[in-house]
């Protein structure tokens, strides 16, 4: 039977889609691409001087615990695949307009109401471009998505940082992406292990004469950026050992596995794993504090500069008892907290894809990206600004960048450096020095 309301909704969606997805040449001049600047974008949101190249690599982390099949018999180890996307400073190809199409999906593996739906979106990079080498290797930035997510979740930031002279590698965390989401215990165990493995692989490839990364990156000067479960992993990698309570919960969830004990506070193996090559972390809405993942002793183990970013109404990771509690508990670190007032959890992702506006889709496809109060494009620009300042100061020793995030105590009543007049409304930036 003809359904007139559904037909009209579909017709409107097709018209909208046709109006905002022109060909590449039109798109370059007419369409807002993720990461482009809004009129009120702060100063350091602008792209840098480098063209951007991008390549995909498939890595294998051998002999890892197969936690999703723990206790079911058979081989308890597997070779864990990790696909990564690498953005880097590149030489501009003749005739290149730096417009790229990324292949992504909506939906969630295993959710009947959210089938996997492929779509594409545009960025500003060139596939397999020739790297632009400098007198010294570029700092390394590792990016870790949430559960679920993908290596393409934050391209507005990964491309932006590469244009400013960083090699940026974003991980598809196996069993935690839209395409292959598995049991949550895999994310709890593997997130920090994946981060450290990728760091080691980037260090190896940076010395491999057969790799395009040879001589391009400095793994001894690394930042780790994580969102949600990526933030959970980043806090742990930075020295925030998990609590005994977290290890007990994991043991109950997995039918007796004690694997998370190796990442808990006070464990000698964990203490030995804290890697001095990681100089700073940026944690967007890190998950876990509400669930007792950290205690005071664990958070005191963070001793590197840390930048936390969250919405004050975060209903996934929590705010007062979530991200802000982590910020306040990391007493031995130089740390900062940027708050988007009234925002919920989605402070880090790209804007919602146009395809998610389809009224026939599950609303979660839209809510995976969007915020009900904030324009995601504005949040993206603000993130580009502050992350650029933070990494520029700590990884590139650009002293002038300190002023952009070391604000006066009464900065709420003043204009912020790099911001246009009247454009800091809704933002709060806090800073605390290390206790020791």
Protein backbone atom coordinates (compact mmCIF):
# COMPACT_ATOMS: atom_id res chain seq x y z
CA UNK A 1 0.00 0.00 0.00
CA UNK A 2 1.25 3.49 -0.88
CA UNK A 3 2.51 5.28 2.24
CA UNK A 4 2.29 8.99 1.42
CA UNK A 5 4.04 10.36 4.58
CA UNK A 6 6.97 7.96 4.20
CA UNK A 7 7.20 8.73 0.47
CA UNK A 8 7.33 12.48 1.14
CA UNK A 9 9.99 12.01 3.85
CA UNK A 10 12.10 9.96 1.46
CA UNK A 11 11.64 12.51 -1.33
CA UNK A 12 12.75 15.35 0.95
CA UNK A 13 15.81 13.32 2.03
CA UNK A 14 16.78 12.62 -1.61
CA UNK A 15 16.44 16.31 -2.46
CA UNK A 16 18.60 17.26 0.53
CA UNK A 17 21.19 14.66 -0.37
CA UNK A 18 21.29 15.87 -3.95
CA UNK A 19 21.83 19.44 -2.80
CA UNK A 20 24.79 18.71 -0.54
CA UNK A 21 26.71 16.00 -2.34
CA UNK A 22 27.85 17.52 -5.65
CA UNK A 23 30.85 16.27 -7.60
CA UNK A 24 34.38 16.79 -6.28
CA UNK A 25 35.05 19.98 -8.25
CA UNK A 26 31.86 21.60 -6.97
CA UNK A 27 32.47 20.31 -3.47
CA UNK A 28 35.90 21.89 -3.22
CA UNK A 29 34.45 25.34 -3.70
CA UNK A 30 30.87 25.07 -2.47
CA UNK A 31 30.61 22.52 0.33
CA UNK A 32 31.72 22.70 3.92
CA UNK A 33 34.13 19.80 4.44
CA UNK A 34 34.78 18.47 7.94
CA UNK A 35 37.40 20.65 9.58
CA UNK A 36 36.84 23.74 7.45
CA UNK A 37 36.61 27.04 9.33
CA UNK A 38 33.42 28.71 10.44
CA UNK A 39 33.49 32.53 10.63
CA UNK A 40 33.92 32.37 14.42
CA UNK A 41 36.72 29.78 14.38
CA UNK A 42 39.61 30.57 16.75
CA UNK A 43 43.02 31.41 15.34
CA UNK A 44 44.84 28.08 15.59
CA UNK A 45 41.99 26.13 13.99
CA UNK A 46 43.34 27.13 10.58
CA UNK A 47 45.28 24.47 8.69
CA UNK A 48 49.06 24.65 8.55
CA UNK A 49 51.41 25.11 5.64
CA UNK A 50 51.82 21.45 4.62
CA UNK A 51 49.79 19.56 2.08
CA UNK A 52 48.47 16.33 3.58
CA UNK A 53 49.02 12.77 2.42
CA UNK A 54 47.22 9.70 3.73
CA UNK A 55 47.88 5.97 3.59
CA UNK A 56 46.33 2.85 5.11
CA UNK A 57 48.37 0.11 6.78
CA UNK A 58 47.40 -3.30 8.12
CA UNK A 59 49.26 -4.32 11.27
CA UNK A 60 49.24 -7.62 13.19
CA UNK A 61 49.71 -7.82 16.95
CA UNK A 62 50.75 -11.41 17.37
CA UNK A 63 49.91 -13.83 20.19
CA UNK A 64 47.33 -11.73 22.01
CA UNK A 65 44.80 -13.08 24.48
CA UNK A 66 41.52 -13.89 22.71
CA UNK A 67 39.41 -12.53 25.53
CA UNK A 68 36.11 -12.89 23.66
CA UNK A 69 36.63 -16.65 23.57
CA UNK A 70 38.24 -16.97 26.99
CA UNK A 71 37.24 -20.17 28.77
CA UNK A 72 35.51 -21.64 25.72
CA UNK A 73 38.26 -24.09 24.92
CA UNK A 74 40.64 -24.08 21.98
CA UNK A 75 43.48 -21.67 21.41
CA UNK A 76 43.42 -18.78 23.89
CA UNK A 77 45.74 -16.63 21.74
CA UNK A 78 45.23 -15.02 18.38
CA UNK A 79 46.98 -12.69 15.98
CA UNK A 80 45.11 -9.43 16.47
CA UNK A 81 44.71 -7.37 13.28
CA UNK A 82 44.80 -3.59 13.51
CA UNK A 83 44.11 -1.36 10.52
CA UNK A 84 45.50 2.15 10.84
CA UNK A 85 45.18 5.33 8.80
CA UNK A 86 48.20 7.60 8.64
CA UNK A 87 48.06 11.31 7.73
CA UNK A 88 51.36 13.07 7.18
CA UNK A 89 52.92 16.22 5.68
CA UNK A 90 53.27 15.70 1.95
CA UNK A 91 54.53 17.26 -1.23
CA UNK A 92 51.72 18.72 -3.28
CA UNK A 93 51.00 16.72 -6.42
CA UNK A 94 50.70 18.72 -9.61
CA UNK A 95 47.02 19.38 -10.27
CA UNK A 96 45.95 18.03 -6.89
CA UNK A 97 43.11 19.82 -5.13
CA UNK A 98 43.54 17.71 -1.98
CA UNK A 99 39.96 16.43 -2.00
CA UNK A 100 39.60 12.83 -0.85
CA UNK A 101 36.66 10.51 -0.34
CA UNK A 102 36.67 8.33 2.79
CA UNK A 103 34.64 5.13 2.96
CA UNK A 104 32.76 4.78 6.23
CA UNK A 105 29.71 2.98 7.62
CA UNK A 106 26.81 3.73 9.91
CA UNK A 107 25.19 1.19 12.16
CA UNK A 108 26.62 -1.29 14.61
CA UNK A 109 27.63 -4.87 14.09
CA UNK A 110 25.20 -7.22 15.83
CA UNK A 111 22.45 -4.63 16.42
CA UNK A 112 19.31 -5.69 14.47
CA UNK A 113 17.87 -2.17 14.46
CA UNK A 114 21.16 -0.67 13.24
CA UNK A 115 22.35 -2.54 10.13
CA UNK A 116 25.70 -1.64 8.60
CA UNK A 117 25.14 1.02 5.92
CA UNK A 118 28.14 2.19 3.84
CA UNK A 119 28.55 5.87 3.00
CA UNK A 120 31.33 8.21 1.94
CA UNK A 121 32.39 11.65 3.10
CA UNK A 122 35.00 14.11 1.92
CA UNK A 123 38.25 15.35 3.40
CA UNK A 124 41.23 17.43 2.39
CA UNK A 125 44.15 15.07 1.75
CA UNK A 126 45.76 13.15 -1.10
CA UNK A 127 45.92 9.36 -1.11
CA UNK A 128 49.48 7.95 -1.20
CA UNK A 129 51.10 11.36 -1.70
CA UNK A 130 54.88 11.63 -1.47
CA UNK A 131 55.96 12.58 2.07
CA UNK A 132 57.50 15.99 2.69
CA UNK A 133 60.65 15.38 4.71
CA UNK A 134 62.09 18.09 6.92
CA UNK A 135 65.43 18.66 8.61
CA UNK A 136 64.14 16.71 11.64
CA UNK A 137 61.41 14.06 11.90
CA UNK A 138 57.88 15.13 12.76
CA UNK A 139 56.29 14.41 16.15
CA UNK A 140 53.96 11.41 16.23
CA UNK A 141 50.28 11.61 17.24
CA UNK A 142 48.26 8.44 17.93
CA UNK A 143 44.45 8.74 17.81
CA UNK A 144 42.08 6.25 19.46
CA UNK A 145 38.31 6.20 18.81
CA UNK A 146 35.45 5.26 21.13
CA UNK A 147 33.28 2.15 21.34
CA UNK A 148 32.02 1.88 18.69
CA UNK A 149 33.84 4.04 16.16
CA UNK A 150 36.53 3.97 13.52
CA UNK A 151 39.82 5.45 12.46
CA UNK A 152 37.85 8.03 10.44
CA UNK A 153 35.84 9.41 13.37
CA UNK A 154 37.99 12.55 13.80
CA UNK A 155 39.34 13.39 10.36
CA UNK A 156 38.75 17.12 10.96
CA UNK A 157 41.53 16.88 13.57
CA UNK A 158 43.84 14.26 12.02
CA UNK A 159 44.10 16.15 8.72
CA UNK A 160 44.51 19.47 10.52
CA UNK A 161 47.41 18.23 12.66
CA UNK A 162 49.17 16.65 9.68
CA UNK A 163 49.03 19.99 7.88
CA UNK A 164 50.91 21.48 10.85
CA UNK A 165 53.81 19.05 10.76
CA UNK A 166 52.73 15.93 12.65
CA UNK A 167 52.50 12.31 11.56
CA UNK A 168 49.07 11.22 12.76
CA UNK A 169 48.05 7.56 13.02
CA UNK A 170 44.44 6.65 13.85
CA UNK A 171 43.61 3.10 14.87
CA UNK A 172 40.70 0.86 13.96
CA UNK A 173 40.49 -0.99 17.28
CA UNK A 174 39.51 -4.55 16.37
CA UNK A 175 36.22 -5.74 17.93
CA UNK A 176 35.31 -2.12 18.72
CA UNK A 177 34.48 -0.59 15.32
CA UNK A 178 31.09 -0.10 13.71
CA UNK A 179 31.83 -3.03 11.40
CA UNK A 180 33.09 -5.61 13.89
CA UNK A 181 31.85 -4.60 17.35
CA UNK A 182 32.28 -7.46 19.80
CA UNK A 183 32.01 -7.93 23.54
CA UNK A 184 32.96 -4.91 25.65
CA UNK A 185 35.59 -6.93 27.50
CA UNK A 186 37.81 -6.75 24.41
CA UNK A 187 37.82 -2.96 24.57
CA UNK A 188 38.48 -2.97 28.32
CA UNK A 189 41.54 -5.18 27.89
CA UNK A 190 42.95 -4.18 24.52
CA UNK A 191 42.62 -0.43 24.31
CA UNK A 192 45.87 0.50 26.02
CA UNK A 193 47.65 -2.54 24.57
CA UNK A 194 46.71 -1.48 21.05
CA UNK A 195 48.02 2.04 21.69
CA UNK A 196 51.40 0.82 22.89
CA UNK A 197 51.71 -1.72 20.08
CA UNK A 198 51.01 0.94 17.45
CA UNK A 199 53.61 3.20 19.06
CA UNK A 200 56.18 0.42 18.77
CA UNK A 201 55.18 -0.29 15.16
CA UNK A 202 55.47 3.38 14.20
CA UNK A 203 58.91 3.52 15.83
CA UNK A 204 59.94 0.42 13.86
CA UNK A 205 58.57 1.71 10.54
CA UNK A 206 60.22 5.07 11.14
CA UNK A 207 63.54 3.22 10.90
CA UNK A 208 62.53 0.86 8.07
CA UNK A 209 64.10 1.91 4.77
CA UNK A 210 61.36 0.12 2.83
CA UNK A 211 58.59 2.15 4.50
CA UNK A 212 57.32 5.58 3.47
CA UNK A 213 57.60 6.44 7.19
CA UNK A 214 61.37 5.98 7.21
CA UNK A 215 62.89 9.16 8.65
CA UNK A 216 59.49 10.89 8.67
CA UNK A 217 58.44 10.57 12.33
CA UNK A 218 59.92 10.85 15.79
CA UNK A 219 58.31 8.21 18.00
CA UNK A 220 60.30 9.55 20.96
CA UNK A 221 58.11 12.65 20.81
CA UNK A 222 54.56 11.26 20.84
CA UNK A 223 51.10 12.48 21.84
CA UNK A 224 48.17 10.13 22.47
CA UNK A 225 44.65 11.44 21.74
CA UNK A 226 41.66 9.37 22.81
CA UNK A 227 37.90 9.79 22.80
CA UNK A 228 35.54 7.99 25.21
CA UNK A 229 37.00 4.45 25.38
CA UNK A 230 40.01 5.93 23.60
CA UNK A 231 40.28 8.34 26.52
CA UNK A 232 39.98 5.38 28.90
CA UNK A 233 43.01 3.83 27.22
CA UNK A 234 44.94 7.10 27.10
CA UNK A 235 44.58 7.69 30.84
CA UNK A 236 45.89 4.19 31.50
CA UNK A 237 48.81 4.51 29.07
CA UNK A 238 49.74 7.84 30.69
CA UNK A 239 50.18 6.14 34.07
CA UNK A 240 46.64 5.92 35.43
CA UNK A 241 46.64 2.31 36.60
CA UNK A 242 43.23 0.68 36.83
CA UNK A 243 41.81 0.05 40.30
CA UNK A 244 41.57 -3.39 41.94
CA UNK A 245 37.80 -2.94 41.68
CA UNK A 246 38.08 -2.63 37.89
CA UNK A 247 40.15 -5.82 37.72
CA UNK A 248 37.54 -7.64 39.80
CA UNK A 249 34.70 -6.44 37.58
CA UNK A 250 36.61 -7.58 34.52
CA UNK A 251 37.23 -10.99 36.09
CA UNK A 252 33.50 -11.39 36.73
CA UNK A 253 32.64 -10.27 33.21
CA UNK A 254 35.02 -12.74 31.58
CA UNK A 255 34.45 -15.81 33.70
CA UNK A 256 37.66 -15.60 35.65
CA UNK A 257 40.26 -13.86 33.48
CA UNK A 258 42.79 -11.89 35.51
CA UNK A 259 44.28 -10.26 32.41
CA UNK A 260 43.38 -6.71 33.44
CA UNK A 261 45.50 -7.08 36.59
CA UNK A 262 48.53 -6.41 34.40
CA UNK A 263 47.25 -2.86 33.84
CA UNK A 264 46.32 -2.07 37.46
CA UNK A 265 47.94 0.39 39.83
CA UNK A 266 50.94 -0.99 41.70
CA UNK A 267 51.46 -3.94 39.35
CA UNK A 268 55.18 -4.07 38.45
CA UNK A 269 54.38 -5.05 34.85
CA UNK A 270 52.13 -2.02 34.48
CA UNK A 271 54.65 0.33 36.05
CA UNK A 272 57.31 -0.95 33.63
CA UNK A 273 54.99 -0.34 30.66
CA UNK A 274 54.69 3.43 31.22
CA UNK A 275 56.42 4.66 28.09
CA UNK A 276 58.57 7.81 28.26
CA UNK A 277 58.14 8.34 24.52
CA UNK A 278 54.57 9.50 25.19
CA UNK A 279 54.98 13.11 26.26
CA UNK A 280 51.32 14.23 26.55
CA UNK A 281 47.75 12.99 26.29
CA UNK A 282 44.53 14.62 25.14
CA UNK A 283 41.47 12.80 26.52
CA UNK A 284 38.02 13.64 25.17
CA UNK A 285 35.26 12.47 27.53
CA UNK A 286 37.27 9.54 28.93
CA UNK A 287 35.03 6.71 30.07
CA UNK A 288 35.36 4.79 33.35
CA UNK A 289 35.57 7.06 36.37
CA UNK A 290 31.88 6.63 37.21
CA UNK A 291 32.38 2.86 37.18
CA UNK A 292 35.27 2.89 39.64
CA UNK A 293 37.92 2.23 37.00
CA UNK A 294 40.36 4.54 38.81
CA UNK A 295 41.03 5.43 42.43
CA UNK A 296 43.13 8.24 43.88
CA UNK A 297 46.32 6.18 43.80
CA UNK A 298 45.81 5.25 40.17
CA UNK A 299 45.17 8.79 38.96
CA UNK A 300 48.19 10.05 40.90
CA UNK A 301 50.29 7.92 38.54
CA UNK A 302 49.68 10.34 35.67
CA UNK A 303 52.72 12.57 35.51
CA UNK A 304 52.72 13.94 31.97
CA UNK A 305 50.87 17.05 30.75
CA UNK A 306 47.24 16.17 30.10
CA UNK A 307 44.43 18.02 28.37
CA UNK A 308 40.87 16.89 29.15
CA UNK A 309 37.86 17.95 27.05
CA UNK A 310 34.25 17.23 28.01
CA UNK A 311 30.64 18.35 27.95
CA UNK A 312 29.13 19.41 31.26
CA UNK A 313 26.07 17.21 30.62
CA UNK A 314 27.95 14.10 29.49
CA UNK A 315 25.57 11.21 30.12
CA UNK A 316 27.95 8.48 28.95
CA UNK A 317 31.23 9.15 30.77
CA UNK A 318 29.88 11.59 33.35
CA UNK A 319 31.23 15.03 34.08
CA UNK A 320 31.51 15.96 37.78
CA UNK A 321 32.02 12.31 38.72
CA UNK A 322 33.60 11.49 35.35
CA UNK A 323 36.01 13.58 33.29
CA UNK A 324 36.28 16.40 35.84
CA UNK A 325 37.00 13.90 38.60
CA UNK A 326 39.85 12.45 36.52
CA UNK A 327 41.18 15.96 35.90
CA UNK A 328 41.08 16.76 39.61
CA UNK A 329 42.57 13.41 40.62
CA UNK A 330 45.61 13.60 38.32
CA UNK A 331 47.38 15.60 41.01
CA UNK A 332 50.91 14.94 39.79
CA UNK A 333 50.34 16.21 36.25
CA UNK A 334 50.20 19.62 34.64
CA UNK A 335 46.61 19.46 33.44
CA UNK A 336 43.85 21.37 31.74
CA UNK A 337 40.08 20.91 31.45
CA UNK A 338 38.10 22.45 28.60
CA UNK A 339 34.36 22.26 29.19
CA UNK A 340 31.64 22.72 26.59
CA UNK A 341 28.81 23.87 28.84
CA UNK A 342 25.54 21.95 28.36
CA UNK A 343 27.12 19.58 25.82
CA UNK A 344 26.76 15.84 26.23
CA UNK A 345 29.24 13.14 25.24
CA UNK A 346 30.01 13.88 21.59
CA UNK A 347 32.69 16.54 22.00
CA UNK A 348 35.20 14.86 19.70
CA UNK A 349 33.68 13.34 16.50
CA UNK A 350 33.20 14.70 13.02
CA UNK A 351 29.78 16.26 12.35
CA UNK A 352 26.91 13.87 11.66
CA UNK A 353 26.93 12.63 8.05
CA UNK A 354 24.14 13.86 5.80
CA UNK A 355 22.98 10.27 5.38
CA UNK A 356 22.09 10.11 9.08
CA UNK A 357 19.32 12.66 8.45
CA UNK A 358 17.27 9.98 6.75
CA UNK A 359 14.08 9.84 8.87
CA UNK A 360 13.81 6.10 8.30
CA UNK A 361 17.10 5.38 10.06
CA UNK A 362 17.58 4.70 13.75
CA UNK A 363 18.15 8.07 15.45
CA UNK A 364 21.32 6.64 17.04
CA UNK A 365 23.07 7.02 13.66
CA UNK A 366 22.66 10.78 14.08
CA UNK A 367 23.26 10.83 17.83
CA UNK A 368 26.54 8.94 17.40
CA UNK A 369 27.96 12.26 16.18
CA UNK A 370 25.68 15.19 16.98
CA UNK A 371 25.10 17.27 20.09
CA UNK A 372 21.67 18.70 20.88
CA UNK A 373 23.06 22.08 21.98
CA UNK A 374 26.37 22.67 20.23
CA UNK A 375 27.14 22.90 16.52
CA UNK A 376 29.62 20.07 15.95
CA UNK A 377 31.50 22.16 13.40
CA UNK A 378 32.13 24.83 16.02
CA UNK A 379 33.33 22.24 18.54
CA UNK A 380 35.64 20.83 15.85
CA UNK A 381 37.19 24.26 15.26
CA UNK A 382 37.66 24.85 18.98
CA UNK A 383 39.28 21.41 19.37
CA UNK A 384 41.62 22.13 16.45
CA UNK A 385 42.66 25.36 18.14
CA UNK A 386 43.36 24.01 21.61
CA UNK A 387 44.94 20.73 20.54
CA UNK A 388 47.21 22.65 18.17
CA UNK A 389 48.26 24.99 20.97
CA UNK A 390 48.82 22.17 23.47
CA UNK A 391 50.84 19.95 21.12
CA UNK A 392 52.67 22.92 19.63
CA UNK A 393 53.90 23.94 23.07
CA UNK A 394 54.80 20.53 24.47
CA UNK A 395 55.94 18.64 21.35
CA UNK A 396 57.35 21.47 19.23
CA UNK A 397 58.56 23.80 21.97
CA UNK A 398 56.68 26.78 20.56
CA UNK A 399 56.73 29.00 23.60
CA UNK A 400 54.27 31.46 22.09
CA UNK A 401 51.52 28.80 22.12
CA UNK A 402 51.47 28.69 25.91
CA UNK A 403 49.38 31.87 26.06
CA UNK A 404 46.52 30.17 24.21
CA UNK A 405 45.77 27.68 26.98
CA UNK A 406 47.47 29.11 30.09
CA UNK A 407 44.70 31.60 30.83
CA UNK A 408 44.41 34.02 33.73
CA UNK A 409 42.24 32.85 36.65
CA UNK A 410 39.65 35.48 35.72
CA UNK A 411 39.76 34.61 32.03
CA UNK A 412 36.02 33.95 31.98
CA UNK A 413 35.56 37.73 32.17
CA UNK A 414 38.10 38.48 29.42
CA UNK A 415 38.60 37.76 25.76
CA UNK A 416 40.68 34.63 25.19
CA UNK A 417 43.83 34.78 23.07
CA UNK A 418 43.09 33.63 19.54
CA UNK A 419 39.31 33.99 19.85
CA UNK A 420 37.21 36.60 18.10
CA UNK A 421 35.20 38.92 20.37
CA UNK A 422 32.08 37.37 21.93
CA UNK A 423 32.94 33.81 20.77
CA UNK A 424 34.00 32.16 24.03
CA UNK A 425 30.45 31.93 25.32
CA UNK A 426 29.68 28.45 26.62
CA UNK A 427 33.32 27.55 27.21
CA UNK A 428 35.28 27.10 30.43
CA UNK A 429 39.00 26.35 30.66
CA UNK A 430 40.62 25.28 33.93
CA UNK A 431 44.26 24.61 34.79
CA UNK A 432 46.05 22.99 37.70
CA UNK A 433 49.77 22.57 38.28
CA UNK A 434 51.28 19.32 39.51
CA UNK A 435 51.33 18.80 43.27
CA UNK A 436 54.94 17.63 43.38
